[in-house]
Every structure is written in C-alpha cells, then in structure tokens.
Amino acid sequence: MITKEEVEHLAKLARLGLTEKEMKEIQKDLSLILDYFNLLKEINTEGIEPTSHPILTKPYLRKDEVLKSPSEKIQKLIEMAPQKEKGYIKVKSIL
C-alpha cells in the first residue's frame, strides 16, 4: 500500500491542496492501481509479439489519382456560376 507521505509528496508535486479525507481516498485509489499493475506483471507474455495497436487496421486513404475531367457535380456547379472562363468560375479580383 502506498504511504501517506508518498501521497503528500505526489500532491505537492502536482500542486494539489488535499484534505485529510481526500488524502485517504487517493491513497486507497493509488494503492488499487499499483496492485493492478503488479497483477499485470505476473502475466506470462513469453512468445507474444509486441503491438502498437490492439486492433489490426488498414489505412483508410484512397489512392491519390489525377482526374482527367471534372466530375458531373463539379461541372454542374461551374455551369450554374454567373461568370465562367475556360472551365473555371470567374470572380472579381480582390487586389
């Protein structure tokens, strides 16, 4: 079990002002957490490959491909523009 002095030291490092009741609660909670880590240390992991993520995932990115012509949606938007030039929407210069 973690000692009261260790909890006080951690509270001081974290700049926490704790009451006696809070100290006892945190002492109990930290002890449970450390006991759980000690339990995990007992697990035999011999022959198990380390992983960076528990779920095997594939990248969800599509291939970066150049489109030869605008899609139908883009073409319809350009057609609805009040002014257009060479397949682009023409706007006033802001400079």
PDB file of N, CA and C in Angstrom:
ATOM      1  N   MET A   1       0.847  -1.184   0.000  1.00  0.00           N
ATOM      2  CA  MET A   1       0.000   0.000   0.000  1.00  0.00           C
ATOM      3  C   MET A   1       0.890   1.245   0.000  1.00  0.00           C
ATOM      4  N   ILE A   2       0.454   2.228  -0.745  1.00  0.00           N
ATOM      5  CA  ILE A   2       1.199   3.479  -0.828  1.00  0.00           C
ATOM      6  C   ILE A   2       1.037   4.232   0.508  1.00  0.00           C
ATOM      7  N   THR A   3       2.090   4.868   0.934  1.00  0.00           N
ATOM      8  CA  THR A   3       2.061   5.536   2.243  1.00  0.00           C
ATOM      9  C   THR A   3       1.475   6.941   2.137  1.00  0.00           C
ATOM     10  N   LYS A   4       1.085   7.468   3.284  1.00  0.00           N
ATOM     11  CA  LYS A   4       0.526   8.813   3.349  1.00  0.00           C
ATOM     12  C   LYS A   4       1.579   9.838   2.907  1.00  0.00           C
ATOM     13  N   GLU A   5       2.835   9.583   3.274  1.00  0.00           N
ATOM     14  CA  GLU A   5       3.916  10.502   2.902  1.00  0.00           C
ATOM     15  C   GLU A   5       4.097  10.541   1.386  1.00  0.00           C
ATOM     16  N   GLU A   6       3.956   9.394   0.734  1.00  0.00           N
ATOM     17  CA  GLU A   6       4.085   9.353  -0.721  1.00  0.00           C
ATOM     18  C   GLU A   6       2.945  10.130  -1.386  1.00  0.00           C
ATOM     19  N   VAL A   7       1.735  10.001  -0.845  1.00  0.00           N
ATOM     20  CA  VAL A   7       0.607  10.747  -1.382  1.00  0.00           C
ATOM     21  C   VAL A   7       0.828  12.249  -1.181  1.00  0.00           C
ATOM     22  N   GLU A   8       1.329  12.633  -0.015  1.00  0.00           N
ATOM     23  CA  GLU A   8       1.617  14.050   0.242  1.00  0.00           C
ATOM     24  C   GLU A   8       2.665  14.577  -0.727  1.00  0.00           C
ATOM     25  N   HIS A   9       3.682  13.755  -0.987  1.00  0.00           N
ATOM     26  CA  HIS A   9       4.731  14.152  -1.921  1.00  0.00           C
ATOM     27  C   HIS A   9       4.163  14.331  -3.327  1.00  0.00           C
ATOM     28  N   LEU A  10       3.335  13.387  -3.772  1.00  0.00           N
ATOM     29  CA  LEU A  10       2.725  13.495  -5.096  1.00  0.00           C
ATOM     30  C   LEU A  10       1.807  14.711  -5.187  1.00  0.00           C
ATOM     31  N   ALA A  11       1.057  14.962  -4.119  1.00  0.00           N
ATOM     32  CA  ALA A  11       0.167  16.130  -4.099  1.00  0.00           C
ATOM     33  C   ALA A  11       0.978  17.425  -4.179  1.00  0.00           C
ATOM     34  N   LYS A  12       2.111  17.446  -3.500  1.00  0.00           N
ATOM     35  CA  LYS A  12       2.966  18.633  -3.537  1.00  0.00           C
ATOM     36  C   LYS A  12       3.528  18.841  -4.943  1.00  0.00           C
ATOM     37  N   LEU A  13       3.970  17.752  -5.592  1.00  0.00           N
ATOM     38  CA  LEU A  13       4.496  17.851  -6.953  1.00  0.00           C
ATOM     39  C   LEU A  13       3.421  18.332  -7.933  1.00  0.00           C
ATOM     40  N   ALA A  14       2.183  17.879  -7.710  1.00  0.00           N
ATOM     41  CA  ALA A  14       1.083  18.253  -8.595  1.00  0.00           C
ATOM     42  C   ALA A  14       0.437  19.567  -8.171  1.00  0.00           C
ATOM     43  N   ARG A  15       0.962  20.155  -7.089  1.00  0.00           N
ATOM     44  CA  ARG A  15       0.439  21.415  -6.546  1.00  0.00           C
ATOM     45  C   ARG A  15      -1.055  21.307  -6.223  1.00  0.00           C
ATOM     46  N   LEU A  16      -1.389  20.218  -5.528  1.00  0.00           N
ATOM     47  CA  LEU A  16      -2.765  19.983  -5.109  1.00  0.00           C
ATOM     48  C   LEU A  16      -2.896  20.214  -3.614  1.00  0.00           C
ATOM     49  N   GLY A  17      -3.889  20.933  -3.223  1.00  0.00           N
ATOM     50  CA  GLY A  17      -4.195  21.093  -1.810  1.00  0.00           C
ATOM     51  C   GLY A  17      -5.272  20.087  -1.441  1.00  0.00           C
ATOM     52  N   LEU A  18      -4.916  19.053  -0.701  1.00  0.00           N
ATOM     53  CA  LEU A  18      -5.853  17.982  -0.381  1.00  0.00           C
ATOM     54  C   LEU A  18      -6.202  17.987   1.102  1.00  0.00           C
ATOM     55  N   THR A  19      -7.460  17.660   1.380  1.00  0.00           N
ATOM     56  CA  THR A  19      -7.883  17.493   2.770  1.00  0.00           C
ATOM     57  C   THR A  19      -7.480  16.096   3.224  1.00  0.00           C
ATOM     58  N   GLU A  20      -7.618  15.843   4.516  1.00  0.00           N
ATOM     59  CA  GLU A  20      -7.282  14.518   5.054  1.00  0.00           C
ATOM     60  C   GLU A  20      -8.153  13.440   4.415  1.00  0.00           C
ATOM     61  N   LYS A  21      -9.423  13.749   4.226  1.00  0.00           N
ATOM     62  CA  LYS A  21     -10.349  12.783   3.610  1.00  0.00           C
ATOM     63  C   LYS A  21      -9.909  12.468   2.182  1.00  0.00           C
ATOM     64  N   GLU A  22      -9.552  13.503   1.430  1.00  0.00           N
ATOM     65  CA  GLU A  22      -9.102  13.309   0.053  1.00  0.00           C
ATOM     66  C   GLU A  22      -7.790  12.528   0.013  1.00  0.00           C
ATOM     67  N   MET A  23      -6.910  12.796   0.965  1.00  0.00           N
ATOM     68  CA  MET A  23      -5.638  12.064   1.048  1.00  0.00           C
ATOM     69  C   MET A  23      -5.891  10.563   1.210  1.00  0.00           C
ATOM     70  N   LYS A  24      -6.819  10.215   2.107  1.00  0.00           N
ATOM     71  CA  LYS A  24      -7.117   8.803   2.352  1.00  0.00           C
ATOM     72  C   LYS A  24      -7.739   8.152   1.124  1.00  0.00           C
ATOM     73  N   GLU A  25      -8.630   8.878   0.444  1.00  0.00           N
ATOM     74  CA  GLU A  25      -9.258   8.338  -0.766  1.00  0.00           C
ATOM     75  C   GLU A  25      -8.223   8.114  -1.863  1.00  0.00           C
ATOM     76  N   ILE A  26      -7.356   9.100  -2.056  1.00  0.00           N
ATOM     77  CA  ILE A  26      -6.330   8.983  -3.096  1.00  0.00           C
ATOM     78  C   ILE A  26      -5.341   7.884  -2.740  1.00  0.00           C
ATOM     79  N   GLN A  27      -4.999   7.765  -1.470  1.00  0.00           N
ATOM     80  CA  GLN A  27      -4.091   6.700  -1.026  1.00  0.00           C
ATOM     81  C   GLN A  27      -4.698   5.335  -1.361  1.00  0.00           C
ATOM     82  N   LYS A  28      -5.981   5.184  -1.112  1.00  0.00           N
ATOM     83  CA  LYS A  28      -6.665   3.919  -1.407  1.00  0.00           C
ATOM     84  C   LYS A  28      -6.697   3.674  -2.920  1.00  0.00           C
ATOM     85  N   ASP A  29      -7.077   4.702  -3.699  1.00  0.00           N
ATOM     86  CA  ASP A  29      -7.180   4.560  -5.153  1.00  0.00           C
ATOM     87  C   ASP A  29      -5.827   4.250  -5.790  1.00  0.00           C
ATOM     88  N   LEU A  30      -4.791   4.976  -5.389  1.00  0.00           N
ATOM     89  CA  LEU A  30      -3.451   4.728  -5.946  1.00  0.00           C
ATOM     90  C   LEU A  30      -2.953   3.338  -5.589  1.00  0.00           C
ATOM     91  N   SER A  31      -3.255   2.885  -4.386  1.00  0.00           N
ATOM     92  CA  SER A  31      -2.854   1.536  -3.986  1.00  0.00           C
ATOM     93  C   SER A  31      -3.530   0.483  -4.853  1.00  0.00           C
ATOM     94  N   LEU A  32      -4.814   0.680  -5.150  1.00  0.00           N
ATOM     95  CA  LEU A  32      -5.523  -0.263  -6.025  1.00  0.00           C
ATOM     96  C   LEU A  32      -4.924  -0.275  -7.426  1.00  0.00           C
ATOM     97  N   ILE A  33      -4.579   0.895  -7.925  1.00  0.00           N
ATOM     98  CA  ILE A  33      -3.982   0.984  -9.263  1.00  0.00           C
ATOM     99  C   ILE A  33      -2.632   0.270  -9.290  1.00  0.00           C
ATOM    100  N   LEU A  34      -1.794   0.519  -8.294  1.00  0.00           N
ATOM    101  CA  LEU A  34      -0.474  -0.118  -8.256  1.00  0.00           C
ATOM    102  C   LEU A  34      -0.595  -1.618  -8.054  1.00  0.00           C
ATOM    103  N   ASP A  35      -1.579  -2.063  -7.275  1.00  0.00           N
ATOM    104  CA  ASP A  35      -1.810  -3.505  -7.111  1.00  0.00           C
ATOM    105  C   ASP A  35      -2.195  -4.144  -8.439  1.00  0.00           C
ATOM    106  N   TYR A  36      -2.991  -3.431  -9.234  1.00  0.00           N
ATOM    107  CA  TYR A  36      -3.387  -3.952 -10.539  1.00  0.00           C
ATOM    108  C   TYR A  36      -2.176  -4.074 -11.454  1.00  0.00           C
ATOM    109  N   PHE A  37      -1.280  -3.094 -11.425  1.00  0.00           N
ATOM    110  CA  PHE A  37      -0.067  -3.187 -12.239  1.00  0.00           C
ATOM    111  C   PHE A  37       0.796  -4.366 -11.800  1.00  0.00           C
ATOM    112  N   ASN A  38       0.875  -4.598 -10.517  1.00  0.00           N
ATOM    113  CA  ASN A  38       1.627  -5.762 -10.033  1.00  0.00           C
ATOM    114  C   ASN A  38       0.993  -7.058 -10.497  1.00  0.00           C
ATOM    115  N   LEU A  39      -0.323  -7.094 -10.580  1.00  0.00           N
ATOM    116  CA  LEU A  39      -1.026  -8.261 -11.101  1.00  0.00           C
ATOM    117  C   LEU A  39      -0.691  -8.470 -12.574  1.00  0.00           C
ATOM    118  N   LEU A  40      -0.623  -7.376 -13.334  1.00  0.00           N
ATOM    119  CA  LEU A  40      -0.287  -7.479 -14.753  1.00  0.00           C
ATOM    120  C   LEU A  40       1.141  -7.970 -14.968  1.00  0.00           C
ATOM    121  N   LYS A  41       2.038  -7.647 -14.046  1.00  0.00           N
ATOM    122  CA  LYS A  41       3.432  -8.094 -14.160  1.00  0.00           C
ATOM    123  C   LYS A  41       3.541  -9.613 -14.091  1.00  0.00           C
ATOM    124  N   GLU A  42       2.573 -10.263 -13.442  1.00  0.00           N
ATOM    125  CA  GLU A  42       2.616 -11.715 -13.269  1.00  0.00           C
ATOM    126  C   GLU A  42       2.191 -12.476 -14.524  1.00  0.00           C
ATOM    127  N   ILE A  43       1.610 -11.787 -15.497  1.00  0.00           N
ATOM    128  CA  ILE A  43       1.125 -12.460 -16.706  1.00  0.00           C
ATOM    129  C   ILE A  43       2.318 -12.895 -17.556  1.00  0.00           C
ATOM    130  N   ASN A  44       2.267 -14.135 -18.036  1.00  0.00           N
ATOM    131  CA  ASN A  44       3.324 -14.675 -18.878  1.00  0.00           C
ATOM    132  C   ASN A  44       3.122 -14.162 -20.307  1.00  0.00           C
ATOM    133  N   THR A  45       4.047 -13.339 -20.780  1.00  0.00           N
ATOM    134  CA  THR A  45       3.973 -12.800 -22.139  1.00  0.00           C
ATOM    135  C   THR A  45       5.049 -13.400 -23.041  1.00  0.00           C
ATOM    136  N   GLU A  46       5.582 -14.520 -22.650  1.00  0.00           N
ATOM    137  CA  GLU A  46       6.624 -15.195 -23.424  1.00  0.00           C
ATOM    138  C   GLU A  46       6.065 -15.617 -24.775  1.00  0.00           C
ATOM    139  N   GLY A  47       6.739 -15.251 -25.848  1.00  0.00           N
ATOM    140  CA  GLY A  47       6.334 -15.655 -27.190  1.00  0.00           C
ATOM    141  C   GLY A  47       5.244 -14.795 -27.799  1.00  0.00           C
ATOM    142  N   ILE A  48       4.834 -13.719 -27.146  1.00  0.00           N
ATOM    143  CA  ILE A  48       3.803 -12.846 -27.689  1.00  0.00           C
ATOM    144  C   ILE A  48       4.482 -11.637 -28.318  1.00  0.00           C
ATOM    145  N   GLU A  49       4.148 -11.396 -29.577  1.00  0.00           N
ATOM    146  CA  GLU A  49       4.754 -10.279 -30.307  1.00  0.00           C
ATOM    147  C   GLU A  49       4.227  -8.942 -29.772  1.00  0.00           C
ATOM    148  N   PRO A  50       5.105  -7.962 -29.596  1.00  0.00           N
ATOM    149  CA  PRO A  50       4.631  -6.643 -29.175  1.00  0.00           C
ATOM    150  C   PRO A  50       3.805  -5.988 -30.282  1.00  0.00           C
ATOM    151  N   THR A  51       2.830  -5.190 -29.882  1.00  0.00           N
ATOM    152  CA  THR A  51       1.996  -4.489 -30.850  1.00  0.00           C
ATOM    153  C   THR A  51       1.941  -3.009 -30.485  1.00  0.00           C
ATOM    154  N   SER A  52       1.657  -2.204 -31.498  1.00  0.00           N
ATOM    155  CA  SER A  52       1.477  -0.781 -31.233  1.00  0.00           C
ATOM    156  C   SER A  52       0.000  -0.439 -31.111  1.00  0.00           C
ATOM    157  N   HIS A  53      -0.851  -1.357 -31.570  1.00  0.00           N
ATOM    158  CA  HIS A  53      -2.294  -1.141 -31.506  1.00  0.00           C
ATOM    159  C   HIS A  53      -2.969  -2.504 -31.373  1.00  0.00           C
ATOM    160  N   PRO A  54      -3.959  -2.635 -30.501  1.00  0.00           N
ATOM    161  CA  PRO A  54      -4.563  -3.946 -30.286  1.00  0.00           C
ATOM    162  C   PRO A  54      -5.401  -4.450 -31.448  1.00  0.00           C
ATOM    163  N   ILE A  55      -5.815  -3.554 -32.349  1.00  0.00           N
ATOM    164  CA  ILE A  55      -6.655  -3.951 -33.478  1.00  0.00           C
ATOM    165  C   ILE A  55      -5.862  -3.745 -34.757  1.00  0.00           C
ATOM    166  N   LEU A  56      -5.797  -4.780 -35.584  1.00  0.00           N
ATOM    167  CA  LEU A  56      -5.118  -4.644 -36.870  1.00  0.00           C
ATOM    168  C   LEU A  56      -5.970  -3.768 -37.775  1.00  0.00           C
ATOM    169  N   THR A  57      -5.385  -2.705 -38.276  1.00  0.00           N
ATOM    170  CA  THR A  57      -6.137  -1.777 -39.116  1.00  0.00           C
ATOM    171  C   THR A  57      -5.423  -1.580 -40.449  1.00  0.00           C
ATOM    172  N   LYS A  58      -6.199  -1.195 -41.432  1.00  0.00           N
ATOM    173  CA  LYS A  58      -5.652  -0.838 -42.731  1.00  0.00           C
ATOM    174  C   LYS A  58      -5.839   0.660 -42.910  1.00  0.00           C
ATOM    175  N   PRO A  59      -4.961   1.294 -43.651  1.00  0.00           N
ATOM    176  CA  PRO A  59      -5.156   2.720 -43.888  1.00  0.00           C
ATOM    177  C   PRO A  59      -6.450   2.956 -44.674  1.00  0.00           C
ATOM    178  N   TYR A  60      -7.177   3.969 -44.297  1.00  0.00           N
ATOM    179  CA  TYR A  60      -8.440   4.272 -44.944  1.00  0.00           C
ATOM    180  C   TYR A  60      -8.295   5.343 -46.012  1.00  0.00           C
ATOM    181  N   LEU A  61      -7.108   5.484 -46.566  1.00  0.00           N
ATOM    182  CA  LEU A  61      -6.867   6.511 -47.568  1.00  0.00           C
ATOM    183  C   LEU A  61      -7.019   5.923 -48.955  1.00  0.00           C
ATOM    184  N   ARG A  62      -7.565   6.707 -49.847  1.00  0.00           N
ATOM    185  CA  ARG A  62      -7.671   6.261 -51.228  1.00  0.00           C
ATOM    186  C   ARG A  62      -6.389   6.638 -51.958  1.00  0.00           C
ATOM    187  N   LYS A  63      -6.183   6.053 -53.109  1.00  0.00           N
ATOM    188  CA  LYS A  63      -5.028   6.407 -53.921  1.00  0.00           C
ATOM    189  C   LYS A  63      -5.198   7.826 -54.432  1.00  0.00           C
ATOM    190  N   ASP A  64      -4.118   8.560 -54.464  1.00  0.00           N
ATOM    191  CA  ASP A  64      -4.131   9.927 -54.966  1.00  0.00           C
ATOM    192  C   ASP A  64      -4.017   9.867 -56.483  1.00  0.00           C
ATOM    193  N   GLU A  65      -5.149  10.024 -57.159  1.00  0.00           N
ATOM    194  CA  GLU A  65      -5.174   9.918 -58.612  1.00  0.00           C
ATOM    195  C   GLU A  65      -5.615  11.243 -59.223  1.00  0.00           C
ATOM    196  N   VAL A  66      -5.005  11.596 -60.339  1.00  0.00           N
ATOM    197  CA  VAL A  66      -5.367  12.809 -61.059  1.00  0.00           C
ATOM    198  C   VAL A  66      -6.589  12.503 -61.914  1.00  0.00           C
ATOM    199  N   LEU A  67      -7.615  13.338 -61.771  1.00  0.00           N
ATOM    200  CA  LEU A  67      -8.802  13.175 -62.588  1.00  0.00           C
ATOM    201  C   LEU A  67      -8.606  13.930 -63.893  1.00  0.00           C
ATOM    202  N   LYS A  68      -8.921  13.270 -65.000  1.00  0.00           N
ATOM    203  CA  LYS A  68      -8.709  13.903 -66.307  1.00  0.00           C
ATOM    204  C   LYS A  68      -9.761  14.960 -66.593  1.00  0.00           C
ATOM    205  N   SER A  69     -10.972  14.763 -66.103  1.00  0.00           N
ATOM    206  CA  SER A  69     -12.018  15.762 -66.316  1.00  0.00           C
ATOM    207  C   SER A  69     -12.817  15.903 -65.033  1.00  0.00           C
ATOM    208  N   PRO A  70     -13.420  17.087 -64.812  1.00  0.00           N
ATOM    209  CA  PRO A  70     -14.191  17.284 -63.593  1.00  0.00           C
ATOM    210  C   PRO A  70     -15.383  16.332 -63.546  1.00  0.00           C
ATOM    211  N   SER A  71     -15.775  15.989 -62.362  1.00  0.00           N
ATOM    212  CA  SER A  71     -16.922  15.097 -62.219  1.00  0.00           C
ATOM    213  C   SER A  71     -18.192  15.841 -62.608  1.00  0.00           C
ATOM    214  N   GLU A  72     -19.276  15.111 -62.710  1.00  0.00           N
ATOM    215  CA  GLU A  72     -20.547  15.714 -63.115  1.00  0.00           C
ATOM    216  C   GLU A  72     -20.990  16.801 -62.136  1.00  0.00           C
ATOM    217  N   LYS A  73     -20.808  16.587 -60.830  1.00  0.00           N
ATOM    218  CA  LYS A  73     -21.225  17.576 -59.836  1.00  0.00           C
ATOM    219  C   LYS A  73     -20.456  18.882 -60.008  1.00  0.00           C
ATOM    220  N   ILE A  74     -19.146  18.766 -60.209  1.00  0.00           N
ATOM    221  CA  ILE A  74     -18.322  19.962 -60.388  1.00  0.00           C
ATOM    222  C   ILE A  74     -18.733  20.687 -61.668  1.00  0.00           C
ATOM    223  N   GLN A  75     -18.986  19.912 -62.726  1.00  0.00           N
ATOM    224  CA  GLN A  75     -19.378  20.509 -64.000  1.00  0.00           C
ATOM    225  C   GLN A  75     -20.705  21.255 -63.859  1.00  0.00           C
ATOM    226  N   LYS A  76     -21.665  20.686 -63.118  1.00  0.00           N
ATOM    227  CA  LYS A  76     -22.956  21.354 -62.916  1.00  0.00           C
ATOM    228  C   LYS A  76     -22.780  22.646 -62.116  1.00  0.00           C
ATOM    229  N   LEU A  77     -21.905  22.638 -61.094  1.00  0.00           N
ATOM    230  CA  LEU A  77     -21.654  23.846 -60.308  1.00  0.00           C
ATOM    231  C   LEU A  77     -21.042  24.948 -61.169  1.00  0.00           C
ATOM    232  N   ILE A  78     -20.107  24.572 -62.021  1.00  0.00           N
ATOM    233  CA  ILE A  78     -19.480  25.558 -62.897  1.00  0.00           C
ATOM    234  C   ILE A  78     -20.504  26.124 -63.869  1.00  0.00           C
ATOM    235  N   GLU A  79     -21.392  25.284 -64.377  1.00  0.00           N
ATOM    236  CA  GLU A  79     -22.420  25.746 -65.308  1.00  0.00           C
ATOM    237  C   GLU A  79     -23.384  26.720 -64.639  1.00  0.00           C
ATOM    238  N   MET A  80     -23.646  26.584 -63.333  1.00  0.00           N
ATOM    239  CA  MET A  80     -24.570  27.464 -62.627  1.00  0.00           C
ATOM    240  C   MET A  80     -23.936  28.804 -62.247  1.00  0.00           C
ATOM    241  N   ALA A  81     -22.629  28.926 -62.362  1.00  0.00           N
ATOM    242  CA  ALA A  81     -21.941  30.164 -61.982  1.00  0.00           C
ATOM    243  C   ALA A  81     -22.329  31.289 -62.937  1.00  0.00           C
ATOM    244  N   PRO A  82     -22.480  32.531 -62.432  1.00  0.00           N
ATOM    245  CA  PRO A  82     -22.870  33.650 -63.305  1.00  0.00           C
ATOM    246  C   PRO A  82     -21.804  33.985 -64.358  1.00  0.00           C
ATOM    247  N   GLN A  83     -20.530  33.845 -63.992  1.00  0.00           N
ATOM    248  CA  GLN A  83     -19.455  34.096 -64.962  1.00  0.00           C
ATOM    249  C   GLN A  83     -18.466  32.934 -64.905  1.00  0.00           C
ATOM    250  N   LYS A  84     -18.065  32.479 -66.064  1.00  0.00           N
ATOM    251  CA  LYS A  84     -17.088  31.383 -66.132  1.00  0.00           C
ATOM    252  C   LYS A  84     -16.147  31.609 -67.308  1.00  0.00           C
ATOM    253  N   GLU A  85     -14.968  31.024 -67.192  1.00  0.00           N
ATOM    254  CA  GLU A  85     -13.970  31.174 -68.240  1.00  0.00           C
ATOM    255  C   GLU A  85     -13.064  29.950 -68.247  1.00  0.00           C
ATOM    256  N   LYS A  86     -12.943  29.299 -69.390  1.00  0.00           N
ATOM    257  CA  LYS A  86     -12.084  28.136 -69.593  1.00  0.00           C
ATOM    258  C   LYS A  86     -12.341  27.031 -68.554  1.00  0.00           C
ATOM    259  N   GLY A  87     -13.600  26.809 -68.210  1.00  0.00           N
ATOM    260  CA  GLY A  87     -13.938  25.730 -67.288  1.00  0.00           C
ATOM    261  C   GLY A  87     -13.797  26.075 -65.815  1.00  0.00           C
ATOM    262  N   TYR A  88     -13.546  27.355 -65.516  1.00  0.00           N
ATOM    263  CA  TYR A  88     -13.402  27.801 -64.130  1.00  0.00           C
ATOM    264  C   TYR A  88     -14.427  28.893 -63.829  1.00  0.00           C
ATOM    265  N   ILE A  89     -14.736  29.087 -62.552  1.00  0.00           N
ATOM    266  CA  ILE A  89     -15.631  30.164 -62.150  1.00  0.00           C
ATOM    267  C   ILE A  89     -14.816  31.453 -62.124  1.00  0.00           C
ATOM    268  N   LYS A  90     -15.341  32.491 -62.786  1.00  0.00           N
ATOM    269  CA  LYS A  90     -14.625  33.763 -62.844  1.00  0.00           C
ATOM    270  C   LYS A  90     -15.159  34.668 -61.721  1.00  0.00           C
ATOM    271  N   VAL A  91     -14.228  35.239 -60.943  1.00  0.00           N
ATOM    272  CA  VAL A  91     -14.595  36.142 -59.844  1.00  0.00           C
ATOM    273  C   VAL A  91     -13.824  37.440 -59.998  1.00  0.00           C
ATOM    274  N   LYS A  92     -14.299  38.475 -59.308  1.00  0.00           N
ATOM    275  CA  LYS A  92     -13.609  39.760 -59.362  1.00  0.00           C
ATOM    276  C   LYS A  92     -12.277  39.669 -58.626  1.00  0.00           C
ATOM    277  N   SER A  93     -11.324  40.405 -59.090  1.00  0.00           N
ATOM    278  CA  SER A  93     -10.015  40.465 -58.443  1.00  0.00           C
ATOM    279  C   SER A  93     -10.135  41.203 -57.116  1.00  0.00           C
ATOM    280  N   ILE A  94      -9.447  40.720 -56.098  1.00  0.00           N
ATOM    281  CA  ILE A  94      -9.534  41.380 -54.797  1.00  0.00           C
ATOM    282  C   ILE A  94      -8.300  42.232 -54.496  1.00  0.00           C
ATOM    283  N   LEU A  95      -7.338  42.220 -55.387  1.00  0.00           N
ATOM    284  CA  LEU A  95      -6.127  43.009 -55.157  1.00  0.00           C
ATOM    285  C   LEU A  95      -6.195  44.339 -55.866  1.00  0.00           C
TER     286      LEU A  95
END
